[in-house]
Amino acid sequence: MSYLDNNALVAEYLSLAAEDPNPDVFLAALGEVVKARGVAQIAKDSGLGRESLYKALSVGAHPRFETINSVLRALGVKIAVVAEHGS
């Protein structure tokens, strides 16, 4: 998935996944991006161990905000809060 090398496309991909009411959709998408970028490198850049990273991104996991934020920063993207349409 070569598009996962482009930060702007990764941000768009993860933003769309985050809109799904099922949090596992976002975690699965984040996991795909992490795998595409290299788990070892993202673990190192985020300050997490590989095992911890795998656990945090597994289906049904409930990772801490700090964990997700660290992974996103290691990927070169960040969380942004926007108003919903019509609000």
N, C-alpha and C. Protein backbone atom coordinates (compact mmCIF):
# COMPACT_ATOMS: atom_id res chain seq x y z
N MET A 1 0.83 -1.18 0.00
CA MET A 1 0.00 0.00 0.00
C MET A 1 0.88 1.24 0.00
N SER A 2 1.29 1.64 -1.17
CA SER A 2 2.22 2.76 -1.29
C SER A 2 1.64 4.08 -0.79
N TYR A 3 0.32 4.23 -0.83
CA TYR A 3 -0.29 5.47 -0.35
C TYR A 3 -0.04 5.69 1.13
N LEU A 4 0.30 4.64 1.87
CA LEU A 4 0.55 4.77 3.30
C LEU A 4 1.91 5.40 3.59
N ASP A 5 2.66 5.71 2.55
CA ASP A 5 3.94 6.42 2.72
C ASP A 5 3.76 7.93 2.67
N ASN A 6 2.58 8.39 2.28
CA ASN A 6 2.30 9.81 2.12
C ASN A 6 1.53 10.31 3.35
N ASN A 7 2.11 11.23 4.12
CA ASN A 7 1.49 11.69 5.37
C ASN A 7 0.10 12.28 5.17
N ALA A 8 -0.10 13.03 4.09
CA ALA A 8 -1.41 13.63 3.85
C ALA A 8 -2.46 12.55 3.60
N LEU A 9 -2.09 11.52 2.83
CA LEU A 9 -3.04 10.44 2.57
C LEU A 9 -3.27 9.59 3.81
N VAL A 10 -2.23 9.40 4.61
CA VAL A 10 -2.38 8.67 5.87
C VAL A 10 -3.35 9.43 6.77
N ALA A 11 -3.20 10.74 6.86
CA ALA A 11 -4.08 11.55 7.70
C ALA A 11 -5.52 11.43 7.23
N GLU A 12 -5.74 11.47 5.92
CA GLU A 12 -7.09 11.35 5.38
C GLU A 12 -7.66 9.95 5.66
N TYR A 13 -6.85 8.93 5.45
CA TYR A 13 -7.26 7.54 5.69
C TYR A 13 -7.66 7.34 7.16
N LEU A 14 -6.82 7.81 8.08
CA LEU A 14 -7.11 7.65 9.50
C LEU A 14 -8.30 8.50 9.93
N SER A 15 -8.46 9.68 9.35
CA SER A 15 -9.61 10.53 9.67
C SER A 15 -10.92 9.84 9.27
N LEU A 16 -10.93 9.23 8.10
CA LEU A 16 -12.13 8.51 7.66
C LEU A 16 -12.40 7.32 8.57
N ALA A 17 -11.35 6.61 8.97
CA ALA A 17 -11.52 5.46 9.86
C ALA A 17 -12.04 5.91 11.22
N ALA A 18 -11.60 7.07 11.68
CA ALA A 18 -12.01 7.59 12.99
C ALA A 18 -13.49 7.98 13.01
N GLU A 19 -14.07 8.22 11.85
CA GLU A 19 -15.49 8.59 11.78
C GLU A 19 -16.40 7.40 12.02
N ASP A 20 -15.87 6.20 11.90
CA ASP A 20 -16.68 5.00 12.14
C ASP A 20 -16.98 4.90 13.63
N PRO A 21 -18.22 4.60 14.01
CA PRO A 21 -18.54 4.51 15.44
C PRO A 21 -17.85 3.34 16.15
N ASN A 22 -17.38 2.36 15.41
CA ASN A 22 -16.68 1.22 15.99
C ASN A 22 -15.20 1.57 16.13
N PRO A 23 -14.67 1.69 17.35
CA PRO A 23 -13.27 2.09 17.53
C PRO A 23 -12.28 1.09 16.95
N ASP A 24 -12.70 -0.16 16.77
CA ASP A 24 -11.80 -1.15 16.18
C ASP A 24 -11.44 -0.82 14.74
N VAL A 25 -12.32 -0.09 14.05
CA VAL A 25 -12.04 0.31 12.67
C VAL A 25 -10.83 1.24 12.64
N PHE A 26 -10.80 2.20 13.55
CA PHE A 26 -9.65 3.11 13.62
C PHE A 26 -8.38 2.37 14.02
N LEU A 27 -8.48 1.50 15.02
CA LEU A 27 -7.29 0.75 15.45
C LEU A 27 -6.76 -0.13 14.33
N ALA A 28 -7.65 -0.76 13.56
CA ALA A 28 -7.23 -1.59 12.44
C ALA A 28 -6.52 -0.75 11.38
N ALA A 29 -7.08 0.42 11.08
CA ALA A 29 -6.46 1.30 10.09
C ALA A 29 -5.10 1.78 10.58
N LEU A 30 -5.02 2.16 11.85
CA LEU A 30 -3.76 2.60 12.42
C LEU A 30 -2.74 1.47 12.36
N GLY A 31 -3.18 0.26 12.66
CA GLY A 31 -2.30 -0.91 12.58
C GLY A 31 -1.76 -1.14 11.18
N GLU A 32 -2.61 -0.94 10.17
CA GLU A 32 -2.17 -1.09 8.78
C GLU A 32 -1.07 -0.09 8.45
N VAL A 33 -1.27 1.14 8.88
CA VAL A 33 -0.28 2.18 8.61
C VAL A 33 1.03 1.86 9.33
N VAL A 34 0.94 1.45 10.59
CA VAL A 34 2.14 1.10 11.36
C VAL A 34 2.90 -0.03 10.68
N LYS A 35 2.20 -1.06 10.23
CA LYS A 35 2.85 -2.18 9.55
C LYS A 35 3.51 -1.72 8.25
N ALA A 36 2.82 -0.84 7.51
CA ALA A 36 3.37 -0.34 6.25
C ALA A 36 4.63 0.49 6.48
N ARG A 37 4.68 1.21 7.58
CA ARG A 37 5.83 2.06 7.89
C ARG A 37 6.95 1.29 8.60
N GLY A 38 6.61 0.13 9.16
CA GLY A 38 7.61 -0.67 9.88
C GLY A 38 7.38 -0.61 11.38
N VAL A 39 6.91 -1.71 11.93
CA VAL A 39 6.56 -1.76 13.35
C VAL A 39 7.76 -1.39 14.23
N ALA A 40 8.92 -1.94 13.92
CA ALA A 40 10.10 -1.68 14.76
C ALA A 40 10.42 -0.20 14.81
N GLN A 41 10.37 0.46 13.67
CA GLN A 41 10.70 1.89 13.61
C GLN A 41 9.65 2.73 14.34
N ILE A 42 8.37 2.42 14.15
CA ILE A 42 7.31 3.18 14.82
C ILE A 42 7.36 2.94 16.32
N ALA A 43 7.65 1.71 16.73
CA ALA A 43 7.78 1.42 18.16
C ALA A 43 8.90 2.27 18.76
N LYS A 44 10.02 2.31 18.07
CA LYS A 44 11.17 3.10 18.55
C LYS A 44 10.83 4.59 18.60
N ASP A 45 10.25 5.10 17.52
CA ASP A 45 9.94 6.53 17.43
C ASP A 45 8.84 6.96 18.41
N SER A 46 7.96 6.02 18.79
CA SER A 46 6.88 6.36 19.70
C SER A 46 7.24 6.10 21.16
N GLY A 47 8.38 5.45 21.38
CA GLY A 47 8.80 5.15 22.74
C GLY A 47 8.12 3.93 23.33
N LEU A 48 7.50 3.14 22.48
CA LEU A 48 6.81 1.93 22.93
C LEU A 48 7.61 0.69 22.53
N GLY A 49 7.43 -0.37 23.28
CA GLY A 49 8.00 -1.64 22.87
C GLY A 49 7.15 -2.24 21.76
N ARG A 50 7.74 -3.11 20.95
CA ARG A 50 6.98 -3.73 19.86
C ARG A 50 5.76 -4.47 20.37
N GLU A 51 5.95 -5.23 21.46
CA GLU A 51 4.83 -5.99 22.04
C GLU A 51 3.71 -5.05 22.47
N SER A 52 4.09 -3.96 23.12
CA SER A 52 3.09 -2.99 23.58
C SER A 52 2.35 -2.38 22.40
N LEU A 53 3.07 -2.11 21.33
CA LEU A 53 2.46 -1.53 20.14
C LEU A 53 1.46 -2.51 19.53
N TYR A 54 1.86 -3.76 19.39
CA TYR A 54 0.95 -4.77 18.86
C TYR A 54 -0.30 -4.90 19.72
N LYS A 55 -0.12 -4.94 21.03
CA LYS A 55 -1.26 -5.06 21.96
C LYS A 55 -2.19 -3.86 21.83
N ALA A 56 -1.62 -2.66 21.79
CA ALA A 56 -2.42 -1.44 21.74
C ALA A 56 -3.27 -1.37 20.48
N LEU A 57 -2.80 -1.96 19.39
CA LEU A 57 -3.49 -1.87 18.11
C LEU A 57 -4.31 -3.11 17.78
N SER A 58 -4.42 -4.04 18.71
CA SER A 58 -5.18 -5.26 18.45
C SER A 58 -6.67 -4.99 18.59
N VAL A 59 -7.47 -5.80 17.90
CA VAL A 59 -8.93 -5.67 17.96
C VAL A 59 -9.40 -5.84 19.39
N GLY A 60 -10.24 -4.93 19.83
CA GLY A 60 -10.78 -4.99 21.18
C GLY A 60 -9.92 -4.31 22.22
N ALA A 61 -8.76 -3.82 21.81
CA ALA A 61 -7.87 -3.13 22.76
C ALA A 61 -8.49 -1.78 23.13
N HIS A 62 -8.09 -1.29 24.26
CA HIS A 62 -8.53 0.03 24.71
C HIS A 62 -7.28 0.83 25.08
N PRO A 63 -6.51 1.22 24.05
CA PRO A 63 -5.26 1.94 24.34
C PRO A 63 -5.52 3.31 24.94
N ARG A 64 -4.56 3.78 25.71
CA ARG A 64 -4.64 5.11 26.30
C ARG A 64 -4.46 6.16 25.21
N PHE A 65 -5.01 7.33 25.47
CA PHE A 65 -4.87 8.45 24.54
C PHE A 65 -3.40 8.74 24.27
N GLU A 66 -2.58 8.70 25.32
CA GLU A 66 -1.16 8.98 25.17
C GLU A 66 -0.49 8.01 24.20
N THR A 67 -0.92 6.75 24.24
CA THR A 67 -0.36 5.74 23.35
C THR A 67 -0.70 6.05 21.91
N ILE A 68 -1.98 6.30 21.65
CA ILE A 68 -2.41 6.63 20.28
C ILE A 68 -1.72 7.89 19.79
N ASN A 69 -1.65 8.90 20.63
CA ASN A 69 -1.01 10.15 20.26
C ASN A 69 0.47 9.95 19.93
N SER A 70 1.16 9.13 20.71
CA SER A 70 2.57 8.84 20.45
C SER A 70 2.77 8.14 19.12
N VAL A 71 1.88 7.20 18.82
CA VAL A 71 1.97 6.47 17.54
C VAL A 71 1.69 7.42 16.39
N LEU A 72 0.68 8.24 16.52
CA LEU A 72 0.36 9.19 15.45
C LEU A 72 1.53 10.13 15.20
N ARG A 73 2.14 10.65 16.26
CA ARG A 73 3.29 11.55 16.10
C ARG A 73 4.46 10.82 15.42
N ALA A 74 4.67 9.56 15.79
CA ALA A 74 5.74 8.78 15.17
C ALA A 74 5.47 8.58 13.67
N LEU A 75 4.19 8.59 13.30
CA LEU A 75 3.82 8.44 11.89
C LEU A 75 3.86 9.77 11.14
N GLY A 76 4.01 10.88 11.87
CA GLY A 76 4.06 12.19 11.22
C GLY A 76 2.71 12.82 11.01
N VAL A 77 1.71 12.38 11.79
CA VAL A 77 0.36 12.96 11.72
C VAL A 77 -0.09 13.30 13.14
N LYS A 78 -1.18 14.06 13.25
CA LYS A 78 -1.68 14.41 14.58
C LYS A 78 -3.20 14.46 14.56
N ILE A 79 -3.77 14.45 15.75
CA ILE A 79 -5.21 14.54 15.90
C ILE A 79 -5.65 15.99 15.74
N ALA A 80 -6.76 16.19 15.05
CA ALA A 80 -7.35 17.51 14.92
C ALA A 80 -8.83 17.39 15.26
N VAL A 81 -9.36 18.35 15.97
CA VAL A 81 -10.77 18.36 16.33
C VAL A 81 -11.46 19.39 15.46
N VAL A 82 -12.57 18.97 14.82
CA VAL A 82 -13.32 19.88 13.96
C VAL A 82 -14.80 19.78 14.32
N ALA A 83 -15.53 20.82 14.03
CA ALA A 83 -16.98 20.82 14.27
C ALA A 83 -17.65 19.88 13.27
N GLU A 84 -18.70 19.21 13.72
CA GLU A 84 -19.46 18.37 12.82
C GLU A 84 -20.24 19.25 11.87
N HIS A 85 -20.56 18.71 10.70
CA HIS A 85 -21.33 19.46 9.72
C HIS A 85 -22.69 19.85 10.32
N GLY A 86 -23.06 21.08 10.15
CA GLY A 86 -24.35 21.55 10.64
C GLY A 86 -24.35 21.96 12.10
N SER A 87 -23.21 21.89 12.76
CA SER A 87 -23.16 22.27 14.17
C SER A 87 -22.63 23.68 14.33
